[in-house]
Protein backbone atom coordinates (compact mmCIF):
# COMPACT_ATOMS: atom_id res chain seq x y z
CA MET A 1 28.78 58.95 61.86
CA LYS A 2 29.57 55.25 62.14
CA THR A 3 25.90 54.31 62.53
CA LEU A 4 25.10 56.09 59.28
CA LEU A 5 27.40 53.70 57.43
CA PHE A 6 25.20 50.77 58.46
CA LYS A 7 22.03 52.20 56.96
CA LYS A 8 20.54 50.46 53.95
CA PRO A 9 21.71 51.91 50.62
CA THR A 10 19.52 54.78 49.42
CA ALA A 11 17.56 54.79 46.16
CA PHE A 12 20.24 57.02 44.66
CA GLN A 13 22.99 54.59 45.68
CA THR A 14 21.20 51.57 44.22
CA GLY A 15 20.31 53.51 41.06
CA ALA A 16 16.58 52.67 40.98
CA THR A 17 15.91 55.10 38.12
CA GLN A 18 18.86 53.83 36.11
CA LYS A 19 17.70 50.22 36.57
CA LEU A 20 14.29 51.12 35.18
CA LEU A 21 15.88 52.88 32.21
CA ALA A 22 18.24 49.97 31.59
CA PHE A 23 15.38 47.46 31.79
CA ALA A 24 13.29 49.58 29.41
CA SER A 25 16.27 49.68 27.02
CA LEU A 26 16.59 45.90 27.22
CA ILE A 27 12.89 45.41 26.40
CA LEU A 28 13.17 47.90 23.53
CA LEU A 29 16.16 46.03 22.07
CA VAL A 30 14.31 42.71 22.30
CA ILE A 31 11.29 44.20 20.51
CA ILE A 32 13.40 45.79 17.77
CA PHE A 33 15.41 42.64 17.05
CA SER A 34 12.31 40.43 17.24
CA ILE A 35 10.61 42.58 14.59
CA SER A 36 13.78 42.74 12.48
CA SER A 37 14.37 38.98 12.45
CA SER A 38 12.08 36.02 13.12
CA ASN A 39 15.11 34.02 14.29
CA PHE A 40 15.79 36.27 17.28
CA PHE A 41 12.93 35.24 19.56
CA GLN A 42 13.42 31.51 19.09
CA PHE A 43 14.08 29.44 22.20
CA ASP A 44 17.52 28.21 21.08
CA ASN A 45 18.64 31.76 20.37
CA LEU A 46 17.37 33.03 23.73
CA VAL A 47 19.24 30.24 25.51
CA GLY A 48 22.32 31.18 23.48
CA ILE A 49 21.98 34.79 24.65
CA MET A 50 21.79 33.68 28.28
CA LEU A 51 24.74 31.34 27.82
CA SER A 52 26.88 34.11 26.32
CA THR A 53 25.82 36.34 29.22
CA ALA A 54 26.82 33.86 31.92
CA VAL A 55 30.63 34.17 31.98
CA ILE A 56 30.76 37.92 31.32
CA GLY A 57 27.90 38.34 33.78
CA VAL A 58 29.78 36.61 36.61
CA LEU A 59 32.86 38.74 35.90
CA ALA A 60 30.63 41.83 35.92
CA LEU A 61 29.15 40.83 39.29
CA GLY A 62 32.62 40.86 40.83
CA SER A 63 33.56 44.09 39.08
CA THR A 64 30.46 45.78 40.53
CA PHE A 65 31.84 45.60 44.07
CA VAL A 66 35.17 47.20 43.14
CA ILE A 67 33.64 49.91 40.95
CA ILE A 68 31.20 50.92 43.70
CA THR A 69 34.23 51.70 45.89
CA GLY A 70 35.44 54.06 43.15
CA GLY A 71 38.17 51.62 42.11
CA ILE A 72 38.65 49.42 39.05
CA ASP A 73 39.89 45.88 38.39
CA LEU A 74 41.44 45.39 34.96
CA ALA A 75 42.63 41.88 35.82
CA VAL A 76 39.29 40.05 36.06
CA GLY A 77 39.63 38.55 32.57
CA THR A 78 43.17 37.22 32.92
CA VAL A 79 42.52 36.12 36.53
CA MET A 80 39.60 34.13 35.11
CA THR A 81 41.97 32.43 32.66
CA PHE A 82 44.63 31.82 35.30
CA SER A 83 42.01 30.24 37.57
CA ALA A 84 40.93 27.94 34.73
CA VAL A 85 44.56 26.97 34.03
CA MET A 86 45.23 26.21 37.70
CA ALA A 87 42.06 24.13 37.90
CA GLY A 88 43.25 22.27 34.80
CA VAL A 89 46.68 21.64 36.32
CA MET A 90 45.18 20.37 39.57
CA ILE A 91 42.75 18.02 37.83
CA THR A 92 44.88 16.74 34.95
CA LEU A 93 48.49 16.99 36.14
CA TRP A 94 48.10 16.58 39.89
CA GLN A 95 45.21 14.10 39.46
CA LEU A 96 43.10 15.74 42.17
CA PRO A 97 39.36 15.01 42.34
CA MET A 98 37.20 17.39 40.34
CA PRO A 99 35.69 19.15 43.42
CA LEU A 100 39.16 19.92 44.76
CA GLY A 101 40.29 21.17 41.36
CA ILE A 102 37.26 23.45 41.13
CA ALA A 103 37.84 24.75 44.67
CA GLY A 104 41.50 25.30 43.81
CA GLY A 105 40.58 27.31 40.73
CA ILE A 106 38.25 29.55 42.72
CA ALA A 107 40.87 29.90 45.48
CA THR A 108 43.37 30.99 42.82
CA GLY A 109 41.04 33.80 41.81
CA ALA A 110 40.59 34.81 45.45
CA LEU A 111 44.37 34.87 45.97
CA CYS A 112 44.87 37.13 42.94
CA GLY A 113 42.17 39.47 44.23
CA LEU A 114 43.80 39.46 47.66
CA ILE A 115 47.16 40.47 46.19
CA SER A 116 45.55 43.26 44.15
CA GLY A 117 43.75 44.47 47.29
CA LEU A 118 46.97 44.49 49.28
CA ALA A 119 48.70 46.49 46.54
CA VAL A 120 45.88 49.06 46.53
CA ALA A 121 45.26 49.28 50.29
CA LYS A 122 48.67 48.71 51.84
CA MET A 123 51.06 49.96 49.13
CA ASN A 124 48.78 52.82 48.05
CA ILE A 125 49.19 51.88 44.39
CA PRO A 126 46.33 53.31 42.26
CA PRO A 127 43.80 50.57 41.41
CA PHE A 128 44.33 51.11 37.69
CA ILE A 129 48.07 50.40 37.96
CA ALA A 130 47.81 47.62 40.55
CA THR A 131 45.25 45.63 38.59
CA LEU A 132 46.99 46.35 35.28
CA ALA A 133 50.10 44.75 36.77
CA MET A 134 48.03 41.80 38.01
CA MET A 135 46.58 41.46 34.51
CA MET A 136 50.07 41.16 33.04
CA ILE A 137 51.27 38.79 35.77
CA THR A 138 48.35 36.38 35.46
CA LYS A 139 48.47 36.50 31.67
CA GLY A 140 52.14 35.52 31.75
CA LEU A 141 51.70 32.85 34.44
CA SER A 142 48.87 31.23 32.49
CA LEU A 143 51.15 30.83 29.47
CA VAL A 144 54.16 29.68 31.54
CA ILE A 145 52.32 27.10 33.65
CA SER A 146 50.39 25.65 30.70
CA GLY A 147 53.39 25.71 28.38
CA ALA A 148 51.36 28.03 26.13
CA LYS A 149 49.16 25.02 25.24
CA PRO A 150 45.50 24.33 26.06
CA ILE A 151 44.85 21.92 28.94
CA TYR A 152 42.14 19.42 27.97
CA PHE A 153 40.21 17.96 30.88
CA ASN A 154 39.38 14.68 29.19
CA ASP A 155 43.11 13.84 28.97
CA THR A 156 42.92 12.39 32.46
CA PRO A 157 41.40 9.23 33.99
CA ASN A 158 39.13 11.44 36.11
CA PHE A 159 37.08 12.08 32.98
CA THR A 160 36.79 8.61 31.46
CA LYS A 161 33.06 8.49 32.12
CA ILE A 162 32.01 12.12 32.06
CA SER A 163 33.77 15.24 30.82
CA MET A 164 33.95 18.51 32.70
CA GLY A 165 31.88 20.14 29.99
CA SER A 166 28.97 17.74 30.32
CA ALA A 167 29.33 17.69 34.10
CA PHE A 168 28.47 21.39 34.18
CA ASN A 169 25.28 20.97 32.14
CA TRP A 170 22.01 19.40 33.00
CA ILE A 171 18.74 18.78 31.14
CA ILE A 172 15.60 20.14 32.73
CA PRO A 173 12.72 17.91 31.55
CA GLY A 174 11.66 19.11 28.11
CA LEU A 175 14.15 22.02 28.02
CA GLU A 176 17.90 22.00 27.54
CA ILE A 177 19.24 24.62 29.94
CA PRO A 178 23.02 24.90 30.36
CA ASN A 179 24.02 24.79 33.99
CA ALA A 180 26.14 27.92 33.44
CA ILE A 181 22.92 29.95 33.30
CA VAL A 182 21.81 28.54 36.66
CA ILE A 183 25.24 29.28 38.16
CA PHE A 184 25.10 32.86 36.88
CA LEU A 185 21.64 33.47 38.34
CA GLY A 186 22.67 31.86 41.64
CA ALA A 187 25.82 33.99 41.75
CA ALA A 188 23.73 37.10 41.07
CA ILE A 189 21.41 36.30 43.99
CA ILE A 190 24.35 35.71 46.34
CA ALA A 191 26.09 38.90 45.16
CA SER A 192 22.89 40.91 45.70
CA ILE A 193 22.54 39.58 49.25
CA ILE A 194 26.17 40.42 50.00
CA LEU A 195 25.84 43.94 48.61
CA THR A 196 22.53 44.86 50.26
CA LYS A 197 22.27 42.75 53.41
CA THR A 198 25.79 42.46 54.82
CA ILE A 199 28.37 44.70 56.45
CA ILE A 200 30.81 44.33 53.58
CA GLY A 201 28.14 45.59 51.19
CA ARG A 202 27.34 48.63 53.30
CA TYR A 203 30.99 49.50 53.75
CA ASN A 204 31.29 49.03 50.00
CA PHE A 205 28.92 51.97 49.45
CA ALA A 206 30.52 53.94 52.28
CA LEU A 207 33.97 53.67 50.72
CA GLY A 208 32.68 54.79 47.35
CA SER A 209 30.62 57.66 48.77
CA ASN A 210 33.31 59.16 51.02
CA GLU A 211 36.36 57.08 51.88
CA GLU A 212 37.94 59.70 54.12
CA ALA A 213 34.77 60.13 56.20
CA THR A 214 34.55 56.35 56.51
CA ARG A 215 38.15 56.23 57.73
CA LEU A 216 37.59 59.04 60.25
CA SER A 217 34.56 57.21 61.65
CA GLY A 218 36.87 54.44 62.86
CA VAL A 219 36.36 51.92 60.07
CA ASN A 220 39.37 49.84 59.01
CA VAL A 221 39.21 51.02 55.39
CA ASN A 222 42.22 48.97 54.27
CA PHE A 223 40.75 45.71 55.58
CA TRP A 224 37.43 46.17 53.79
CA LYS A 225 39.11 47.30 50.60
CA ILE A 226 41.23 44.13 50.58
CA ALA A 227 38.13 42.05 51.31
CA ILE A 228 36.28 43.62 48.37
CA TYR A 229 39.11 42.96 45.90
CA THR A 230 39.33 39.38 47.21
CA LEU A 231 35.60 38.95 46.66
CA THR A 232 36.01 40.18 43.10
CA GLY A 233 38.72 37.55 42.66
CA VAL A 234 36.34 34.85 43.87
CA PHE A 235 33.86 35.76 41.13
CA SER A 236 36.69 35.74 38.58
CA GLY A 237 37.60 32.24 39.78
CA ILE A 238 34.00 31.09 39.36
CA ALA A 239 33.97 32.54 35.84
CA GLY A 240 37.20 30.65 35.12
CA ILE A 241 35.59 27.34 36.08
CA MET A 242 32.55 28.19 33.96
CA ILE A 243 34.52 29.01 30.82
CA ALA A 244 36.68 25.92 31.32
CA SER A 245 33.57 23.77 31.56
CA ARG A 246 32.09 25.39 28.47
CA LEU A 247 35.25 24.78 26.40
CA ASN A 248 36.13 21.50 28.18
CA SER A 249 39.63 22.93 28.39
CA ALA A 250 41.71 25.73 29.89
CA GLN A 251 42.79 28.07 27.11
CA PRO A 252 45.77 30.13 28.39
CA ALA A 253 45.55 32.68 25.57
CA LEU A 254 42.00 33.73 26.49
CA GLY A 255 41.03 36.36 29.03
CA GLN A 256 42.35 39.73 27.90
CA GLY A 257 39.46 41.87 26.70
CA TYR A 258 36.88 40.22 28.93
CA GLU A 259 37.46 42.89 31.59
CA LEU A 260 36.30 45.60 29.17
CA GLU A 261 33.05 43.78 28.47
CA ALA A 262 32.50 43.20 32.19
CA ILE A 263 33.11 46.87 33.03
CA ALA A 264 30.83 47.92 30.16
CA ALA A 265 28.03 45.73 31.54
CA VAL A 266 28.48 47.25 35.02
CA VAL A 267 28.40 50.83 33.68
CA ILE A 268 25.41 50.21 31.39
CA GLY A 269 23.60 48.74 34.41
CA GLY A 270 23.92 52.04 36.27
CA THR A 271 26.94 51.59 38.53
CA SER A 272 28.87 54.84 38.65
CA LEU A 273 32.57 54.84 37.81
CA SER A 274 32.89 57.61 40.42
CA GLY A 275 31.80 55.13 43.09
CA GLY A 276 29.09 55.12 45.73
CA LYS A 277 26.26 53.93 43.50
CA GLY A 278 25.33 50.65 41.88
CA SER A 279 23.35 47.42 42.13
CA ILE A 280 23.62 43.77 41.18
CA LEU A 281 20.27 43.79 39.37
CA GLY A 282 21.48 46.70 37.25
CA THR A 283 24.64 44.75 36.39
CA VAL A 284 22.61 41.70 35.36
CA ILE A 285 20.46 43.90 33.12
CA GLY A 286 23.59 45.55 31.71
CA ALA A 287 25.13 42.15 30.90
CA LEU A 288 21.91 41.10 29.17
CA ILE A 289 21.86 44.33 27.16
CA MET A 290 25.40 43.62 25.98
CA SER A 291 24.52 40.06 24.93
CA VAL A 292 21.21 40.98 23.29
CA LEU A 293 22.84 43.83 21.40
CA THR A 294 25.71 41.65 20.16
CA ASN A 295 23.42 38.74 19.27
CA GLY A 296 20.89 40.94 17.51
CA LEU A 297 23.53 42.72 15.45
CA ARG A 298 25.03 39.35 14.49
CA ILE A 299 21.64 38.03 13.38
CA LEU A 300 21.18 41.16 11.28
CA SER A 301 24.57 40.39 9.67
CA VAL A 302 26.21 43.57 10.94
CA LYS A 303 29.99 43.30 10.53
CA GLN A 304 32.04 42.50 13.64
CA GLU A 305 33.95 45.78 13.53
CA TRP A 306 30.70 47.78 13.48
CA GLN A 307 29.34 45.72 16.36
CA THR A 308 32.32 46.85 18.43
CA VAL A 309 31.75 50.48 17.42
CA ILE A 310 28.08 50.32 18.42
CA VAL A 311 28.83 48.74 21.81
CA GLY A 312 31.45 51.45 22.45
CA LEU A 313 28.91 54.16 21.68
CA VAL A 314 26.42 52.56 24.07
CA VAL A 315 29.02 52.63 26.86
CA ILE A 316 29.75 56.33 26.21
CA ILE A 317 26.03 57.13 26.36
CA ALA A 318 25.65 55.19 29.63
CA VAL A 319 28.59 56.99 31.28
CA TYR A 320 27.41 60.40 30.08
CA ALA A 321 23.91 59.70 31.42
CA ASP A 322 25.45 58.94 34.82
CA ILE A 323 27.40 62.21 34.71
CA LEU A 324 24.20 64.16 34.00
CA ARG A 325 22.36 62.43 36.88
CA ARG A 326 25.17 63.25 39.30
CA ARG A 327 25.15 66.90 38.25
CA LYS A 328 21.43 67.10 38.99
CA LYS A 329 21.97 65.32 42.33
């Protein structure tokens, strides 16, 4: 039984069919919006779509691991904010070098994920409740530590020559490409390797497919569950650094609501909320679908409230499609 857990994920587990459907949906959306508005397919707008995808996309990458186990992490958005606040405190208040502040922000995310994992694995608290509590804790801590005020990175001597915002962007000759896009794509590649080529990835699928069978085969289920939640926290920490660099500040009031967009991107990309099935490529496509849909509706001057309604309907359709596929399976 144990050797079966080390086999490569099957086509059903990685959702090959769903990825094709999601990619086809993405292409269809691009075609529709390109025909509807000449402004959509302009380079600046496409870069804007990728930039808006980057932060939510990184959060969605982390959420993919937890959802494949059959769990959920509602704290990714507020952990992102808390990581940004802690990075801001380390860089501006403690006067640490930027690399140490960035590492500290990511470590903050990892610590929050570790605590959530311990609550789920060791205390047997349902993931929904454990991460809901972590969401409230990190939201409150962000406001307390920052004094409910934004932390601006250029308020410190470390940024007299270059701000954090500009430090996280580069100019590729002839094309202005925000570095956040490169970080997102790099994070997606790393996440894909972890999920498909490592032991933690294979146990990830095993836990989601049949946790009890995995436990009976001699696997330390609690250890791997904690590791997976910690990994999700790492991605939340990375997203926190990215959003701080984009805003050139840590905004303690941000974060809540981001987890819903991240989960929506994961579900649209074909990862099953029941666990045991999903892929990083599908999540990337799902995040792009979310951004293209939002951007296209905005260009067509659709009201914000109707944009939210449409995105909600898309999520319902994606979940129902997964239910139908599982019934057939």
